[in-house]
N, C-alpha and C. Protein backbone atom coordinates (compact mmCIF):
# COMPACT_ATOMS: atom_id res chain seq x y z
N MET A 1 54.53 231.99 205.36
CA MET A 1 55.06 231.54 204.08
C MET A 1 55.35 232.78 203.23
N ASN A 2 56.57 232.89 202.73
CA ASN A 2 56.92 234.04 201.92
C ASN A 2 56.48 233.86 200.47
N MET A 3 56.72 234.89 199.68
CA MET A 3 56.27 234.87 198.28
C MET A 3 56.90 233.73 197.48
N ASN A 4 58.20 233.50 197.67
CA ASN A 4 58.87 232.43 196.94
C ASN A 4 58.29 231.08 197.31
N GLN A 5 58.04 230.88 198.59
CA GLN A 5 57.47 229.62 199.07
C GLN A 5 56.05 229.44 198.52
N ALA A 6 55.29 230.51 198.47
CA ALA A 6 53.91 230.43 197.95
C ALA A 6 53.93 230.10 196.45
N ALA A 7 54.85 230.70 195.72
CA ALA A 7 54.95 230.42 194.28
C ALA A 7 55.39 228.98 194.05
N LEU A 8 56.31 228.49 194.87
CA LEU A 8 56.76 227.11 194.77
C LEU A 8 55.61 226.15 195.05
N LYS A 9 54.83 226.46 196.08
CA LYS A 9 53.69 225.61 196.43
C LYS A 9 52.66 225.58 195.29
N GLU A 10 52.42 226.72 194.68
CA GLU A 10 51.48 226.79 193.55
C GLU A 10 51.99 225.95 192.38
N SER A 11 53.29 226.01 192.11
CA SER A 11 53.89 225.21 191.05
C SER A 11 53.73 223.71 191.34
N VAL A 12 53.99 223.33 192.57
CA VAL A 12 53.85 221.92 192.96
C VAL A 12 52.40 221.48 192.81
N GLN A 13 51.46 222.32 193.20
CA GLN A 13 50.04 222.00 193.08
C GLN A 13 49.66 221.74 191.62
N GLN A 14 50.12 222.60 190.72
CA GLN A 14 49.82 222.44 189.30
C GLN A 14 50.45 221.17 188.72
N LEU A 15 51.70 220.92 189.10
CA LEU A 15 52.37 219.70 188.63
C LEU A 15 51.66 218.46 189.17
N ALA A 16 51.23 218.50 190.42
CA ALA A 16 50.54 217.36 191.02
C ALA A 16 49.22 217.09 190.31
N GLU A 17 48.50 218.14 189.96
CA GLU A 17 47.24 217.96 189.22
C GLU A 17 47.50 217.30 187.87
N GLU A 18 48.54 217.76 187.19
CA GLU A 18 48.88 217.18 185.88
C GLU A 18 49.29 215.72 186.04
N ALA A 19 50.13 215.42 187.01
CA ALA A 19 50.58 214.05 187.25
C ALA A 19 49.41 213.15 187.64
N PHE A 20 48.48 213.68 188.41
CA PHE A 20 47.31 212.91 188.83
C PHE A 20 46.44 212.56 187.63
N HIS A 21 46.23 213.53 186.76
CA HIS A 21 45.38 213.29 185.58
C HIS A 21 46.05 212.36 184.58
N GLN A 22 47.37 212.28 184.63
CA GLN A 22 48.09 211.33 183.77
C GLN A 22 48.24 209.97 184.47
N ARG A 23 47.67 209.86 185.65
CA ARG A 23 47.69 208.63 186.47
C ARG A 23 49.11 208.22 186.87
N LEU A 24 49.95 209.22 187.09
CA LEU A 24 51.32 208.96 187.54
C LEU A 24 51.39 208.89 189.06
N ILE A 25 50.46 209.57 189.72
CA ILE A 25 50.32 209.53 191.17
C ILE A 25 48.85 209.29 191.47
N SER A 26 48.56 208.78 192.66
CA SER A 26 47.16 208.48 192.97
C SER A 26 46.56 209.45 193.98
N GLY A 27 47.32 210.43 194.43
CA GLY A 27 46.78 211.43 195.34
C GLY A 27 47.82 212.48 195.66
N TYR A 28 47.34 213.61 196.19
CA TYR A 28 48.24 214.71 196.53
C TYR A 28 47.51 215.69 197.44
N GLY A 29 48.27 216.52 198.13
CA GLY A 29 47.69 217.53 198.99
C GLY A 29 48.73 218.15 199.91
N ASP A 30 48.27 219.09 200.71
CA ASP A 30 49.17 219.75 201.65
C ASP A 30 49.73 218.76 202.64
N GLY A 31 50.98 218.97 202.99
CA GLY A 31 51.62 218.14 203.99
C GLY A 31 51.22 218.58 205.39
N GLU A 32 51.66 217.85 206.36
CA GLU A 32 51.34 218.15 207.75
C GLU A 32 52.00 219.45 208.22
N TYR A 33 53.17 219.75 207.68
CA TYR A 33 53.93 220.92 208.11
C TYR A 33 54.10 221.91 206.97
N ASP A 34 54.39 223.17 207.31
CA ASP A 34 54.67 224.18 206.29
C ASP A 34 55.88 223.75 205.49
N GLY A 35 55.87 224.03 204.21
CA GLY A 35 57.00 223.68 203.36
C GLY A 35 57.03 222.22 202.98
N GLU A 36 55.92 221.52 203.18
CA GLU A 36 55.85 220.09 202.91
C GLU A 36 54.63 219.80 202.05
N TYR A 37 54.72 218.79 201.22
CA TYR A 37 53.61 218.39 200.35
C TYR A 37 53.50 216.88 200.38
N GLN A 38 52.28 216.39 200.33
CA GLN A 38 52.06 214.94 200.36
C GLN A 38 51.69 214.45 198.97
N ILE A 39 52.39 213.42 198.53
CA ILE A 39 52.12 212.79 197.24
C ILE A 39 51.95 211.31 197.48
N VAL A 40 50.88 210.74 196.93
CA VAL A 40 50.67 209.30 197.02
C VAL A 40 51.23 208.71 195.74
N TYR A 41 52.34 208.00 195.89
CA TYR A 41 53.06 207.43 194.75
C TYR A 41 53.28 205.95 195.01
N LYS A 42 52.88 205.14 194.05
CA LYS A 42 52.96 203.68 194.18
C LYS A 42 52.26 203.20 195.45
N GLY A 43 51.10 203.81 195.72
CA GLY A 43 50.25 203.38 196.82
C GLY A 43 50.68 203.82 198.21
N LYS A 44 51.76 204.60 198.30
CA LYS A 44 52.25 205.02 199.61
C LYS A 44 52.26 206.54 199.70
N PRO A 45 51.67 207.10 200.76
CA PRO A 45 51.76 208.55 200.94
C PRO A 45 53.17 208.94 201.35
N ARG A 46 53.68 209.96 200.70
CA ARG A 46 55.04 210.42 200.98
C ARG A 46 54.98 211.91 201.30
N HIS A 47 55.56 212.29 202.41
CA HIS A 47 55.62 213.69 202.83
C HIS A 47 56.98 214.23 202.40
N LEU A 48 56.94 215.16 201.45
CA LEU A 48 58.17 215.65 200.81
C LEU A 48 58.28 217.16 200.96
N SER A 49 59.51 217.64 200.97
CA SER A 49 59.70 219.09 200.92
C SER A 49 59.13 219.58 199.59
N LEU A 50 58.77 220.85 199.54
CA LEU A 50 58.21 221.39 198.30
C LEU A 50 59.21 221.26 197.15
N GLU A 51 60.48 221.50 197.42
CA GLU A 51 61.50 221.40 196.38
C GLU A 51 61.60 219.97 195.85
N TYR A 52 61.62 219.00 196.75
CA TYR A 52 61.73 217.60 196.33
C TYR A 52 60.47 217.17 195.57
N ALA A 53 59.31 217.60 196.07
CA ALA A 53 58.05 217.26 195.41
C ALA A 53 58.03 217.82 193.99
N GLN A 54 58.48 219.05 193.82
CA GLN A 54 58.51 219.67 192.50
C GLN A 54 59.43 218.87 191.56
N ASN A 55 60.60 218.52 192.04
CA ASN A 55 61.54 217.74 191.21
C ASN A 55 60.98 216.36 190.86
N LEU A 56 60.38 215.69 191.83
CA LEU A 56 59.79 214.37 191.58
C LEU A 56 58.69 214.46 190.53
N LEU A 57 57.80 215.41 190.69
CA LEU A 57 56.68 215.53 189.76
C LEU A 57 57.15 215.88 188.36
N ARG A 58 58.10 216.80 188.26
CA ARG A 58 58.64 217.15 186.94
C ARG A 58 59.27 215.93 186.27
N THR A 59 60.00 215.15 187.05
CA THR A 59 60.65 213.95 186.51
C THR A 59 59.63 212.94 186.04
N LEU A 60 58.60 212.68 186.84
CA LEU A 60 57.56 211.72 186.46
C LEU A 60 56.87 212.15 185.17
N ILE A 61 56.54 213.42 185.07
CA ILE A 61 55.85 213.93 183.89
C ILE A 61 56.76 213.84 182.66
N LEU A 62 58.01 214.21 182.82
CA LEU A 62 58.96 214.14 181.71
C LEU A 62 59.16 212.70 181.24
N LEU A 63 59.35 211.78 182.16
CA LEU A 63 59.52 210.37 181.78
C LEU A 63 58.28 209.83 181.07
N ASN A 64 57.12 210.25 181.52
CA ASN A 64 55.88 209.81 180.88
C ASN A 64 55.81 210.35 179.45
N ARG A 65 56.21 211.60 179.23
CA ARG A 65 56.21 212.18 177.88
C ARG A 65 57.19 211.43 176.97
N LEU A 66 58.36 211.13 177.51
CA LEU A 66 59.35 210.39 176.72
C LEU A 66 58.85 209.00 176.36
N ARG A 67 58.17 208.35 177.30
CA ARG A 67 57.58 207.04 177.03
C ARG A 67 56.54 207.13 175.93
N GLU A 68 55.70 208.15 176.00
CA GLU A 68 54.65 208.31 174.98
C GLU A 68 55.27 208.58 173.61
N GLU A 69 56.33 209.38 173.55
CA GLU A 69 56.98 209.67 172.27
C GLU A 69 57.66 208.42 171.70
N ALA A 70 58.19 207.60 172.55
CA ALA A 70 58.86 206.37 172.10
C ALA A 70 57.87 205.41 171.46
N VAL A 71 56.64 205.43 171.93
CA VAL A 71 55.61 204.54 171.40
C VAL A 71 55.16 205.02 170.02
N LEU A 72 55.16 206.32 169.82
CA LEU A 72 54.73 206.85 168.52
C LEU A 72 55.78 206.54 167.53
């Protein structure tokens, strides 16, 4: 795994922790293969590329923030 891939994985890990604590996902961890990450979303484990996982997690967190702001 090169430096860019390692930095991407670290970013995905941090986003997954944030999403988990906001109860947007119910689990996360390393995928079966390099360059893959597992996210449990809506009760189903999904094996995603690091890029896709990062985009999904960012989107979930952003939508949750927008929902919270709309309630205020």
